[in-house]
């Protein structure tokens, strides 16, 4: 596993041994970043199920402004910090060792993210719940991009106002959702 391109290009990354984390495959990561490559500059990134932190670090390497990487495993958080230091991106990266639900409650009203990576355990309905919380707690900036990885049975249903496209990489499905600029801003004012 490595950073594909950008200022940390070629840096190899560590991951936890065993099956507790499921790193995004190289081909899947290449596909995701090909789809959003011109929309990364200056973005505030949230990687809510960080694992190794590779998605957030790839985004930073390619021009995102800053990233928050969340994982509930202390061991994973240590790996994420080590990878951020190795890529020389730690200055732009905040690692939070927390359950995702606790993190989003704490971040609500304090921060908005305009690029969100979601790669939770492949259980049906998990992504639906995460998306509802992100929207309800107003954590998505106008025009935000959400990249959600799942098994076929876990592909989420996006909000009606979001555009979405699904990509398949073997048994992995990736939905890239884009929030509208105006509607997302209008939702904040209305409620």
Foldseek 3Di string as FASTA:
>chain_A
DAQPDALLHPQDADFDPDDPDDDDDPVRLVVVCVVCLVPLAQFEEEELACGQVRNVLSSVRSHHQAYEYEHQDPVSLVRNCVRCVSSVNNVRYHYYNDHSVVVLVVCQPPAAGQEYEAEDPQDAPPVVVSLVSCLVSLRHAQFHKYKYKHFPRRDDDDDPQWDWDWDDDPRIIIIIITHHRPVSVVVVVVD
